[in-house]
Amino acid sequence: MVDKSIWGMLFVLGLGFACAPASWAAEAKAGKATYDKLCVSCHGTDGKGNPAMTKVFGEKTLNIATKATSDKKDEELLKVITEGRGKMPAAGKDLSKQDQKQVLEHIRALAK
């Protein structure tokens, strides 16, 4: 016979897992919204880069939907998001830590 407290813990854990996908979806949606606001004009909706902006900035590519991006550590990508790089402006002052992580997760989804 299984102790009632174990069943209670299993119920709470199961409830947590059942609710998790909804919260993950909300995080992904929030990251996409921020990405759409700050990044899409250069990196494109799919992360493969906006060819017109590539020409404007004289960059080789603005594609972030690459294996090179997915291979980078979170800290590296967060540094680029917050501090900028090259002609990319910094967004750190405008984004909370949570916003930064949400954008990072969206970028990771694009780079798959």
PDB file of N, CA and C in Angstrom:
ATOM      1  N   MET A   1       0.843  -1.178   0.000  1.00  0.00           N
ATOM      2  CA  MET A   1       0.000   0.000   0.000  1.00  0.00           C
ATOM      3  C   MET A   1       0.891   1.245   0.000  1.00  0.00           C
ATOM      4  N   VAL A   2       0.542   2.243  -0.800  1.00  0.00           N
ATOM      5  CA  VAL A   2       1.336   3.452  -0.927  1.00  0.00           C
ATOM      6  C   VAL A   2       0.802   4.510   0.031  1.00  0.00           C
ATOM      7  N   ASP A   3       1.716   5.169   0.695  1.00  0.00           N
ATOM      8  CA  ASP A   3       1.383   6.235   1.642  1.00  0.00           C
ATOM      9  C   ASP A   3       0.626   7.357   0.917  1.00  0.00           C
ATOM     10  N   LYS A   4      -0.404   7.916   1.572  1.00  0.00           N
ATOM     11  CA  LYS A   4      -1.216   8.989   0.985  1.00  0.00           C
ATOM     12  C   LYS A   4      -0.381  10.226   0.676  1.00  0.00           C
ATOM     13  N   SER A   5       0.656  10.501   1.453  1.00  0.00           N
ATOM     14  CA  SER A   5       1.480  11.686   1.205  1.00  0.00           C
ATOM     15  C   SER A   5       2.246  11.555  -0.110  1.00  0.00           C
ATOM     16  N   ILE A   6       2.612  10.336  -0.455  1.00  0.00           N
ATOM     17  CA  ILE A   6       3.296  10.120  -1.737  1.00  0.00           C
ATOM     18  C   ILE A   6       2.332  10.401  -2.887  1.00  0.00           C
ATOM     19  N   TRP A   7       1.081   9.950  -2.763  1.00  0.00           N
ATOM     20  CA  TRP A   7       0.087  10.235  -3.791  1.00  0.00           C
ATOM     21  C   TRP A   7      -0.144  11.734  -3.929  1.00  0.00           C
ATOM     22  N   GLY A   8      -0.146  12.423  -2.808  1.00  0.00           N
ATOM     23  CA  GLY A   8      -0.308  13.875  -2.833  1.00  0.00           C
ATOM     24  C   GLY A   8       0.829  14.555  -3.569  1.00  0.00           C
ATOM     25  N   MET A   9       2.063  14.114  -3.291  1.00  0.00           N
ATOM     26  CA  MET A   9       3.230  14.691  -3.976  1.00  0.00           C
ATOM     27  C   MET A   9       3.167  14.391  -5.465  1.00  0.00           C
ATOM     28  N   LEU A  10       2.790  13.160  -5.823  1.00  0.00           N
ATOM     29  CA  LEU A  10       2.691  12.805  -7.232  1.00  0.00           C
ATOM     30  C   LEU A  10       1.630  13.645  -7.942  1.00  0.00           C
ATOM     31  N   PHE A  11       0.526  13.909  -7.263  1.00  0.00           N
ATOM     32  CA  PHE A  11      -0.528  14.735  -7.839  1.00  0.00           C
ATOM     33  C   PHE A  11      -0.008  16.154  -8.100  1.00  0.00           C
ATOM     34  N   VAL A  12       0.675  16.732  -7.131  1.00  0.00           N
ATOM     35  CA  VAL A  12       1.212  18.093  -7.273  1.00  0.00           C
ATOM     36  C   VAL A  12       2.237  18.140  -8.402  1.00  0.00           C
ATOM     37  N   LEU A  13       3.118  17.154  -8.454  1.00  0.00           N
ATOM     38  CA  LEU A  13       4.105  17.113  -9.538  1.00  0.00           C
ATOM     39  C   LEU A  13       3.425  16.976 -10.897  1.00  0.00           C
ATOM     40  N   GLY A  14       2.436  16.099 -10.975  1.00  0.00           N
ATOM     41  CA  GLY A  14       1.701  15.914 -12.231  1.00  0.00           C
ATOM     42  C   GLY A  14       1.003  17.182 -12.664  1.00  0.00           C
ATOM     43  N   LEU A  15       0.412  17.889 -11.705  1.00  0.00           N
ATOM     44  CA  LEU A  15      -0.253  19.154 -12.003  1.00  0.00           C
ATOM     45  C   LEU A  15       0.755  20.173 -12.524  1.00  0.00           C
ATOM     46  N   GLY A  16       1.928  20.208 -11.916  1.00  0.00           N
ATOM     47  CA  GLY A  16       2.978  21.124 -12.365  1.00  0.00           C
ATOM     48  C   GLY A  16       3.412  20.828 -13.786  1.00  0.00           C
ATOM     49  N   PHE A  17       3.590  19.558 -14.108  1.00  0.00           N
ATOM     50  CA  PHE A  17       3.982  19.192 -15.463  1.00  0.00           C
ATOM     51  C   PHE A  17       2.871  19.469 -16.466  1.00  0.00           C
ATOM     52  N   ALA A  18       1.634  19.286 -16.058  1.00  0.00           N
ATOM     53  CA  ALA A  18       0.512  19.558 -16.949  1.00  0.00           C
ATOM     54  C   ALA A  18       0.412  21.039 -17.287  1.00  0.00           C
ATOM     55  N   CYS A  19       0.752  21.896 -16.345  1.00  0.00           N
ATOM     56  CA  CYS A  19       0.674  23.344 -16.563  1.00  0.00           C
ATOM     57  C   CYS A  19       1.915  23.901 -17.244  1.00  0.00           C
ATOM     58  N   ALA A  20       3.023  23.182 -17.186  1.00  0.00           N
ATOM     59  CA  ALA A  20       4.288  23.686 -17.721  1.00  0.00           C
ATOM     60  C   ALA A  20       4.219  24.025 -19.205  1.00  0.00           C
ATOM     61  N   PRO A  21       3.669  23.157 -20.076  1.00  0.00           N
ATOM     62  CA  PRO A  21       3.638  23.513 -21.497  1.00  0.00           C
ATOM     63  C   PRO A  21       2.936  24.834 -21.772  1.00  0.00           C
ATOM     64  N   ALA A  22       1.913  25.160 -21.027  1.00  0.00           N
ATOM     65  CA  ALA A  22       1.222  26.438 -21.217  1.00  0.00           C
ATOM     66  C   ALA A  22       2.135  27.600 -20.870  1.00  0.00           C
ATOM     67  N   SER A  23       2.895  27.462 -19.793  1.00  0.00           N
ATOM     68  CA  SER A  23       3.804  28.543 -19.413  1.00  0.00           C
ATOM     69  C   SER A  23       4.958  28.644 -20.405  1.00  0.00           C
ATOM     70  N   TRP A  24       5.436  27.494 -20.907  1.00  0.00           N
ATOM     71  CA  TRP A  24       6.498  27.525 -21.916  1.00  0.00           C
ATOM     72  C   TRP A  24       6.000  28.205 -23.182  1.00  0.00           C
ATOM     73  N   ALA A  25       4.780  27.930 -23.569  1.00  0.00           N
ATOM     74  CA  ALA A  25       4.218  28.562 -24.764  1.00  0.00           C
ATOM     75  C   ALA A  25       4.109  30.067 -24.570  1.00  0.00           C
ATOM     76  N   ALA A  26       3.727  30.492 -23.376  1.00  0.00           N
ATOM     77  CA  ALA A  26       3.632  31.932 -23.091  1.00  0.00           C
ATOM     78  C   ALA A  26       5.002  32.582 -23.170  1.00  0.00           C
ATOM     79  N   GLU A  27       6.036  31.896 -22.639  1.00  0.00           N
ATOM     80  CA  GLU A  27       7.401  32.427 -22.701  1.00  0.00           C
ATOM     81  C   GLU A  27       7.856  32.575 -24.147  1.00  0.00           C
ATOM     82  N   ALA A  28       7.605  31.542 -24.950  1.00  0.00           N
ATOM     83  CA  ALA A  28       8.001  31.580 -26.358  1.00  0.00           C
ATOM     84  C   ALA A  28       7.275  32.696 -27.094  1.00  0.00           C
ATOM     85  N   LYS A  29       6.001  32.872 -26.796  1.00  0.00           N
ATOM     86  CA  LYS A  29       5.217  33.924 -27.451  1.00  0.00           C
ATOM     87  C   LYS A  29       5.750  35.305 -27.064  1.00  0.00           C
ATOM     88  N   ALA A  30       6.088  35.481 -25.792  1.00  0.00           N
ATOM     89  CA  ALA A  30       6.633  36.762 -25.339  1.00  0.00           C
ATOM     90  C   ALA A  30       7.984  37.031 -26.000  1.00  0.00           C
ATOM     91  N   GLY A  31       8.815  36.016 -26.123  1.00  0.00           N
ATOM     92  CA  GLY A  31      10.109  36.178 -26.784  1.00  0.00           C
ATOM     93  C   GLY A  31       9.961  36.547 -28.241  1.00  0.00           C
ATOM     94  N   LYS A  32       8.993  35.934 -28.913  1.00  0.00           N
ATOM     95  CA  LYS A  32       8.738  36.253 -30.318  1.00  0.00           C
ATOM     96  C   LYS A  32       8.247  37.686 -30.463  1.00  0.00           C
ATOM     97  N   ALA A  33       7.388  38.121 -29.558  1.00  0.00           N
ATOM     98  CA  ALA A  33       6.868  39.494 -29.627  1.00  0.00           C
ATOM     99  C   ALA A  33       8.002  40.511 -29.489  1.00  0.00           C
ATOM    100  N   THR A  34       8.915  40.268 -28.568  1.00  0.00           N
ATOM    101  CA  THR A  34      10.052  41.174 -28.384  1.00  0.00           C
ATOM    102  C   THR A  34      10.983  41.110 -29.592  1.00  0.00           C
ATOM    103  N   TYR A  35      11.236  39.900 -30.088  1.00  0.00           N
ATOM    104  CA  TYR A  35      12.063  39.720 -31.280  1.00  0.00           C
ATOM    105  C   TYR A  35      11.442  40.476 -32.456  1.00  0.00           C
ATOM    106  N   ASP A  36      10.123  40.328 -32.629  1.00  0.00           N
ATOM    107  CA  ASP A  36       9.440  41.018 -33.736  1.00  0.00           C
ATOM    108  C   ASP A  36       9.587  42.530 -33.622  1.00  0.00           C
ATOM    109  N   LYS A  37       9.601  43.028 -32.426  1.00  0.00           N
ATOM    110  CA  LYS A  37       9.702  44.472 -32.199  1.00  0.00           C
ATOM    111  C   LYS A  37      11.126  44.988 -32.434  1.00  0.00           C
ATOM    112  N   LEU A  38      12.131  44.240 -31.978  1.00  0.00           N
ATOM    113  CA  LEU A  38      13.503  44.754 -31.980  1.00  0.00           C
ATOM    114  C   LEU A  38      14.427  44.150 -33.040  1.00  0.00           C
ATOM    115  N   CYS A  39      14.139  42.951 -33.500  1.00  0.00           N
ATOM    116  CA  CYS A  39      15.134  42.223 -34.289  1.00  0.00           C
ATOM    117  C   CYS A  39      14.710  41.888 -35.714  1.00  0.00           C
ATOM    118  N   VAL A  40      13.400  41.755 -35.928  1.00  0.00           N
ATOM    119  CA  VAL A  40      12.908  41.216 -37.193  1.00  0.00           C
ATOM    120  C   VAL A  40      13.280  42.078 -38.399  1.00  0.00           C
ATOM    121  N   SER A  41      13.410  43.380 -38.226  1.00  0.00           N
ATOM    122  CA  SER A  41      13.703  44.237 -39.377  1.00  0.00           C
ATOM    123  C   SER A  41      15.053  43.888 -40.017  1.00  0.00           C
ATOM    124  N   CYS A  42      16.006  43.438 -39.230  1.00  0.00           N
ATOM    125  CA  CYS A  42      17.316  43.051 -39.774  1.00  0.00           C
ATOM    126  C   CYS A  42      17.461  41.539 -39.951  1.00  0.00           C
ATOM    127  N   HIS A  43      16.995  40.776 -38.959  1.00  0.00           N
ATOM    128  CA  HIS A  43      17.213  39.331 -38.973  1.00  0.00           C
ATOM    129  C   HIS A  43      16.082  38.552 -39.627  1.00  0.00           C
ATOM    130  N   GLY A  44      14.966  39.221 -39.932  1.00  0.00           N
ATOM    131  CA  GLY A  44      13.853  38.561 -40.598  1.00  0.00           C
ATOM    132  C   GLY A  44      13.009  37.727 -39.650  1.00  0.00           C
ATOM    133  N   THR A  45      11.790  37.454 -40.060  1.00  0.00           N
ATOM    134  CA  THR A  45      10.856  36.674 -39.256  1.00  0.00           C
ATOM    135  C   THR A  45      11.399  35.280 -38.969  1.00  0.00           C
ATOM    136  N   ASP A  46      12.055  34.695 -39.959  1.00  0.00           N
ATOM    137  CA  ASP A  46      12.576  33.338 -39.814  1.00  0.00           C
ATOM    138  C   ASP A  46      14.019  33.306 -39.311  1.00  0.00           C
ATOM    139  N   GLY A  47      14.614  34.480 -39.059  1.00  0.00           N
ATOM    140  CA  GLY A  47      15.990  34.543 -38.563  1.00  0.00           C
ATOM    141  C   GLY A  47      17.043  34.425 -39.650  1.00  0.00           C
ATOM    142  N   LYS A  48      16.623  34.287 -40.893  1.00  0.00           N
ATOM    143  CA  LYS A  48      17.580  34.077 -41.983  1.00  0.00           C
ATOM    144  C   LYS A  48      18.116  35.371 -42.578  1.00  0.00           C
ATOM    145  N   GLY A  49      17.710  36.496 -42.011  1.00  0.00           N
ATOM    146  CA  GLY A  49      18.249  37.776 -42.438  1.00  0.00           C
ATOM    147  C   GLY A  49      17.409  38.462 -43.487  1.00  0.00           C
ATOM    148  N   ASN A  50      17.403  39.768 -43.423  1.00  0.00           N
ATOM    149  CA  ASN A  50      16.697  40.601 -44.389  1.00  0.00           C
ATOM    150  C   ASN A  50      17.734  41.050 -45.419  1.00  0.00           C
ATOM    151  N   PRO A  51      17.633  40.577 -46.666  1.00  0.00           N
ATOM    152  CA  PRO A  51      18.636  40.915 -47.686  1.00  0.00           C
ATOM    153  C   PRO A  51      18.822  42.422 -47.883  1.00  0.00           C
ATOM    154  N   ALA A  52      17.747  43.181 -47.793  1.00  0.00           N
ATOM    155  CA  ALA A  52      17.859  44.635 -47.975  1.00  0.00           C
ATOM    156  C   ALA A  52      18.715  45.250 -46.865  1.00  0.00           C
ATOM    157  N   MET A  53      18.519  44.800 -45.651  1.00  0.00           N
ATOM    158  CA  MET A  53      19.305  45.340 -44.525  1.00  0.00           C
ATOM    159  C   MET A  53      20.757  44.866 -44.592  1.00  0.00           C
ATOM    160  N   THR A  54      20.973  43.681 -45.134  1.00  0.00           N
ATOM    161  CA  THR A  54      22.343  43.199 -45.327  1.00  0.00           C
ATOM    162  C   THR A  54      23.103  44.166 -46.220  1.00  0.00           C
ATOM    163  N   LYS A  55      22.452  44.631 -47.291  1.00  0.00           N
ATOM    164  CA  LYS A  55      23.069  45.605 -48.199  1.00  0.00           C
ATOM    165  C   LYS A  55      23.271  46.955 -47.514  1.00  0.00           C
ATOM    166  N   VAL A  56      22.255  47.411 -46.799  1.00  0.00           N
ATOM    167  CA  VAL A  56      22.336  48.715 -46.127  1.00  0.00           C
ATOM    168  C   VAL A  56      23.519  48.763 -45.171  1.00  0.00           C
ATOM    169  N   PHE A  57      23.679  47.692 -44.392  1.00  0.00           N
ATOM    170  CA  PHE A  57      24.749  47.664 -43.391  1.00  0.00           C
ATOM    171  C   PHE A  57      26.078  47.175 -43.947  1.00  0.00           C
ATOM    172  N   GLY A  58      26.070  46.698 -45.183  1.00  0.00           N
ATOM    173  CA  GLY A  58      27.300  46.194 -45.771  1.00  0.00           C
ATOM    174  C   GLY A  58      27.801  44.941 -45.066  1.00  0.00           C
ATOM    175  N   GLU A  59      26.861  44.176 -44.556  1.00  0.00           N
ATOM    176  CA  GLU A  59      27.213  42.940 -43.845  1.00  0.00           C
ATOM    177  C   GLU A  59      27.177  41.766 -44.812  1.00  0.00           C
ATOM    178  N   LYS A  60      27.934  40.726 -44.487  1.00  0.00           N
ATOM    179  CA  LYS A  60      27.938  39.515 -45.288  1.00  0.00           C
ATOM    180  C   LYS A  60      26.590  38.806 -45.164  1.00  0.00           C
ATOM    181  N   THR A  61      26.081  38.722 -43.948  1.00  0.00           N
ATOM    182  CA  THR A  61      24.787  38.098 -43.699  1.00  0.00           C
ATOM    183  C   THR A  61      24.254  38.534 -42.339  1.00  0.00           C
ATOM    184  N   LEU A  62      22.966  38.511 -42.204  1.00  0.00           N
ATOM    185  CA  LEU A  62      22.317  38.791 -40.916  1.00  0.00           C
ATOM    186  C   LEU A  62      21.545  37.556 -40.451  1.00  0.00           C
ATOM    187  N   ASN A  63      21.910  36.401 -41.016  1.00  0.00           N
ATOM    188  CA  ASN A  63      21.259  35.138 -40.715  1.00  0.00           C
ATOM    189  C   ASN A  63      21.684  34.644 -39.334  1.00  0.00           C
ATOM    190  N   ILE A  64      20.697  34.474 -38.448  1.00  0.00           N
ATOM    191  CA  ILE A  64      20.988  33.914 -37.122  1.00  0.00           C
ATOM    192  C   ILE A  64      20.369  32.528 -36.958  1.00  0.00           C
ATOM    193  N   ALA A  65      19.707  32.036 -38.006  1.00  0.00           N
ATOM    194  CA  ALA A  65      19.101  30.703 -37.973  1.00  0.00           C
ATOM    195  C   ALA A  65      20.128  29.688 -38.477  1.00  0.00           C
ATOM    196  N   THR A  66      21.245  29.616 -37.778  1.00  0.00           N
ATOM    197  CA  THR A  66      22.357  28.794 -38.225  1.00  0.00           C
ATOM    198  C   THR A  66      22.860  27.880 -37.107  1.00  0.00           C
ATOM    199  N   LYS A  67      23.637  26.890 -37.499  1.00  0.00           N
ATOM    200  CA  LYS A  67      24.267  26.004 -36.528  1.00  0.00           C
ATOM    201  C   LYS A  67      25.261  26.793 -35.676  1.00  0.00           C
ATOM    202  N   ALA A  68      25.926  27.765 -36.283  1.00  0.00           N
ATOM    203  CA  ALA A  68      26.877  28.593 -35.526  1.00  0.00           C
ATOM    204  C   ALA A  68      26.175  29.306 -34.370  1.00  0.00           C
ATOM    205  N   THR A  69      24.957  29.785 -34.616  1.00  0.00           N
ATOM    206  CA  THR A  69      24.186  30.427 -33.548  1.00  0.00           C
ATOM    207  C   THR A  69      23.772  29.399 -32.506  1.00  0.00           C
ATOM    208  N   SER A  70      23.260  28.265 -32.942  1.00  0.00           N
ATOM    209  CA  SER A  70      22.804  27.258 -31.983  1.00  0.00           C
ATOM    210  C   SER A  70      23.957  26.678 -31.172  1.00  0.00           C
ATOM    211  N   ASP A  71      25.172  26.711 -31.709  1.00  0.00           N
ATOM    212  CA  ASP A  71      26.339  26.207 -30.977  1.00  0.00           C
ATOM    213  C   ASP A  71      26.843  27.171 -29.907  1.00  0.00           C
ATOM    214  N   LYS A  72      26.436  28.423 -29.975  1.00  0.00           N
ATOM    215  CA  LYS A  72      26.906  29.410 -28.996  1.00  0.00           C
ATOM    216  C   LYS A  72      26.266  29.164 -27.635  1.00  0.00           C
ATOM    217  N   LYS A  73      27.006  29.479 -26.601  1.00  0.00           N
ATOM    218  CA  LYS A  73      26.490  29.363 -25.236  1.00  0.00           C
ATOM    219  C   LYS A  73      25.500  30.482 -24.980  1.00  0.00           C
ATOM    220  N   ASP A  74      24.592  30.238 -24.043  1.00  0.00           N
ATOM    221  CA  ASP A  74      23.596  31.249 -23.682  1.00  0.00           C
ATOM    222  C   ASP A  74      24.251  32.578 -23.334  1.00  0.00           C
ATOM    223  N   GLU A  75      25.344  32.522 -22.573  1.00  0.00           N
ATOM    224  CA  GLU A  75      26.019  33.752 -22.135  1.00  0.00           C
ATOM    225  C   GLU A  75      26.500  34.573 -23.318  1.00  0.00           C
ATOM    226  N   GLU A  76      27.012  33.897 -24.349  1.00  0.00           N
ATOM    227  CA  GLU A  76      27.488  34.594 -25.548  1.00  0.00           C
ATOM    228  C   GLU A  76      26.341  35.311 -26.261  1.00  0.00           C
ATOM    229  N   LEU A  77      25.239  34.589 -26.442  1.00  0.00           N
ATOM    230  CA  LEU A  77      24.103  35.179 -27.140  1.00  0.00           C
ATOM    231  C   LEU A  77      23.462  36.295 -26.321  1.00  0.00           C
ATOM    232  N   LEU A  78      23.366  36.100 -25.014  1.00  0.00           N
ATOM    233  CA  LEU A  78      22.803  37.151 -24.165  1.00  0.00           C
ATOM    234  C   LEU A  78      23.659  38.407 -24.206  1.00  0.00           C
ATOM    235  N   LYS A  79      24.972  38.242 -24.308  1.00  0.00           N
ATOM    236  CA  LYS A  79      25.860  39.399 -24.399  1.00  0.00           C
ATOM    237  C   LYS A  79      25.593  40.181 -25.683  1.00  0.00           C
ATOM    238  N   VAL A  80      25.397  39.482 -26.783  1.00  0.00           N
ATOM    239  CA  VAL A  80      25.087  40.157 -28.053  1.00  0.00           C
ATOM    240  C   VAL A  80      23.727  40.849 -27.971  1.00  0.00           C
ATOM    241  N   ILE A  81      22.745  40.162 -27.382  1.00  0.00           N
ATOM    242  CA  ILE A  81      21.408  40.740 -27.254  1.00  0.00           C
ATOM    243  C   ILE A  81      21.468  42.020 -26.425  1.00  0.00           C
ATOM    244  N   THR A  82      22.190  41.984 -25.311  1.00  0.00           N
ATOM    245  CA  THR A  82      22.190  43.126 -24.398  1.00  0.00           C
ATOM    246  C   THR A  82      23.173  44.225 -24.785  1.00  0.00           C
ATOM    247  N   GLU A  83      24.345  43.852 -25.325  1.00  0.00           N
ATOM    248  CA  GLU A  83      25.381  44.846 -25.625  1.00  0.00           C
ATOM    249  C   GLU A  83      25.482  45.205 -27.101  1.00  0.00           C
ATOM    250  N   GLY A  84      24.840  44.399 -27.944  1.00  0.00           N
ATOM    251  CA  GLY A  84      24.954  44.620 -29.378  1.00  0.00           C
ATOM    252  C   GLY A  84      26.268  44.075 -29.904  1.00  0.00           C
ATOM    253  N   ARG A  85      26.457  44.193 -31.216  1.00  0.00           N
ATOM    254  CA  ARG A  85      27.718  43.766 -31.831  1.00  0.00           C
ATOM    255  C   ARG A  85      27.811  44.437 -33.187  1.00  0.00           C
ATOM    256  N   GLY A  86      28.947  45.015 -33.473  1.00  0.00           N
ATOM    257  CA  GLY A  86      29.115  45.695 -34.755  1.00  0.00           C
ATOM    258  C   GLY A  86      28.088  46.800 -34.899  1.00  0.00           C
ATOM    259  N   LYS A  87      27.287  46.725 -35.933  1.00  0.00           N
ATOM    260  CA  LYS A  87      26.263  47.740 -36.184  1.00  0.00           C
ATOM    261  C   LYS A  87      24.936  47.432 -35.492  1.00  0.00           C
ATOM    262  N   MET A  88      24.881  46.285 -34.825  1.00  0.00           N
ATOM    263  CA  MET A  88      23.656  45.926 -34.101  1.00  0.00           C
ATOM    264  C   MET A  88      23.620  46.697 -32.788  1.00  0.00           C
ATOM    265  N   PRO A  89      22.530  47.433 -32.551  1.00  0.00           N
ATOM    266  CA  PRO A  89      22.449  48.215 -31.308  1.00  0.00           C
ATOM    267  C   PRO A  89      22.213  47.327 -30.081  1.00  0.00           C
ATOM    268  N   ALA A  90      22.631  47.822 -28.948  1.00  0.00           N
ATOM    269  CA  ALA A  90      22.399  47.132 -27.678  1.00  0.00           C
ATOM    270  C   ALA A  90      20.938  47.270 -27.279  1.00  0.00           C
ATOM    271  N   ALA A  91      20.381  46.213 -26.726  1.00  0.00           N
ATOM    272  CA  ALA A  91      18.996  46.254 -26.251  1.00  0.00           C
ATOM    273  C   ALA A  91      18.923  46.067 -24.743  1.00  0.00           C
ATOM    274  N   GLY A  92      20.072  45.928 -24.098  1.00  0.00           N
ATOM    275  CA  GLY A  92      20.119  45.613 -22.677  1.00  0.00           C
ATOM    276  C   GLY A  92      19.379  46.575 -21.774  1.00  0.00           C
ATOM    277  N   LYS A  93      19.448  47.853 -22.049  1.00  0.00           N
ATOM    278  CA  LYS A  93      18.783  48.848 -21.197  1.00  0.00           C
ATOM    279  C   LYS A  93      17.270  48.748 -21.290  1.00  0.00           C
ATOM    280  N   ASP A  94      16.789  48.268 -22.421  1.00  0.00           N
ATOM    281  CA  ASP A  94      15.347  48.227 -22.669  1.00  0.00           C
ATOM    282  C   ASP A  94      14.696  46.900 -22.293  1.00  0.00           C
ATOM    283  N   LEU A  95      15.506  45.884 -21.976  1.00  0.00           N
ATOM    284  CA  LEU A  95      14.960  44.556 -21.714  1.00  0.00           C
ATOM    285  C   LEU A  95      15.282  44.087 -20.298  1.00  0.00           C
ATOM    286  N   SER A  96      14.288  43.542 -19.636  1.00  0.00           N
ATOM    287  CA  SER A  96      14.527  42.915 -18.340  1.00  0.00           C
ATOM    288  C   SER A  96      15.284  41.607 -18.570  1.00  0.00           C
ATOM    289  N   LYS A  97      15.803  41.034 -17.510  1.00  0.00           N
ATOM    290  CA  LYS A  97      16.490  39.729 -17.618  1.00  0.00           C
ATOM    291  C   LYS A  97      15.535  38.686 -18.188  1.00  0.00           C
ATOM    292  N   GLN A  98      14.280  38.731 -17.769  1.00  0.00           N
ATOM    293  CA  GLN A  98      13.288  37.788 -18.277  1.00  0.00           C
ATOM    294  C   GLN A  98      13.059  38.005 -19.775  1.00  0.00           C
ATOM    295  N   ASP A  99      12.944  39.253 -20.197  1.00  0.00           N
ATOM    296  CA  ASP A  99      12.783  39.562 -21.625  1.00  0.00           C
ATOM    297  C   ASP A  99      13.973  39.038 -22.424  1.00  0.00           C
ATOM    298  N   GLN A 100      15.172  39.241 -21.896  1.00  0.00           N
ATOM    299  CA  GLN A 100      16.387  38.782 -22.571  1.00  0.00           C
ATOM    300  C   GLN A 100      16.357  37.269 -22.764  1.00  0.00           C
ATOM    301  N   LYS A 101      15.982  36.534 -21.714  1.00  0.00           N
ATOM    302  CA  LYS A 101      15.923  35.072 -21.804  1.00  0.00           C
ATOM    303  C   LYS A 101      14.847  34.627 -22.781  1.00  0.00           C
ATOM    304  N   GLN A 102      13.731  35.339 -22.822  1.00  0.00           N
ATOM    305  CA  GLN A 102      12.656  34.987 -23.753  1.00  0.00           C
ATOM    306  C   GLN A 102      13.106  35.188 -25.196  1.00  0.00           C
ATOM    307  N   VAL A 103      13.806  36.273 -25.476  1.00  0.00           N
ATOM    308  CA  VAL A 103      14.334  36.508 -26.826  1.00  0.00           C
ATOM    309  C   VAL A 103      15.354  35.426 -27.164  1.00  0.00           C
ATOM    310  N   LEU A 104      16.202  35.104 -26.209  1.00  0.00           N
ATOM    311  CA  LEU A 104      17.195  34.049 -26.408  1.00  0.00           C
ATOM    312  C   LEU A 104      16.509  32.739 -26.786  1.00  0.00           C
ATOM    313  N   GLU A 105      15.456  32.370 -26.085  1.00  0.00           N
ATOM    314  CA  GLU A 105      14.735  31.136 -26.383  1.00  0.00           C
ATOM    315  C   GLU A 105      14.126  31.183 -27.786  1.00  0.00           C
ATOM    316  N   HIS A 106      13.618  32.341 -28.175  1.00  0.00           N
ATOM    317  CA  HIS A 106      13.055  32.467 -29.522  1.00  0.00           C
ATOM    318  C   HIS A 106      14.156  32.316 -30.579  1.00  0.00           C
ATOM    319  N   ILE A 107      15.297  32.927 -30.343  1.00  0.00           N
ATOM    320  CA  ILE A 107      16.427  32.821 -31.270  1.00  0.00           C
ATOM    321  C   ILE A 107      16.875  31.360 -31.366  1.00  0.00           C
ATOM    322  N   ARG A 108      16.936  30.679 -30.239  1.00  0.00           N
ATOM    323  CA  ARG A 108      17.305  29.259 -30.237  1.00  0.00           C
ATOM    324  C   ARG A 108      16.300  28.445 -31.060  1.00  0.00           C
ATOM    325  N   ALA A 109      15.025  28.779 -30.964  1.00  0.00           N
ATOM    326  CA  ALA A 109      14.014  28.062 -31.757  1.00  0.00           C
ATOM    327  C   ALA A 109      14.219  28.311 -33.253  1.00  0.00           C
ATOM    328  N   LEU A 110      14.609  29.528 -33.621  1.00  0.00           N
ATOM    329  CA  LEU A 110      14.862  29.846 -35.027  1.00  0.00           C
ATOM    330  C   LEU A 110      16.095  29.105 -35.554  1.00  0.00           C
ATOM    331  N   ALA A 111      17.072  28.888 -34.688  1.00  0.00           N
ATOM    332  CA  ALA A 111      18.339  28.302 -35.100  1.00  0.00           C
ATOM    333  C   ALA A 111      18.295  26.774 -35.159  1.00  0.00           C
ATOM    334  N   LYS A 112      17.148  26.181 -34.945  1.00  0.00           N
ATOM    335  CA  LYS A 112      17.049  24.708 -34.999  1.00  0.00           C
ATOM    336  C   LYS A 112      16.916  24.229 -36.414  1.00  0.00           C
TER     337      LYS A 112
END
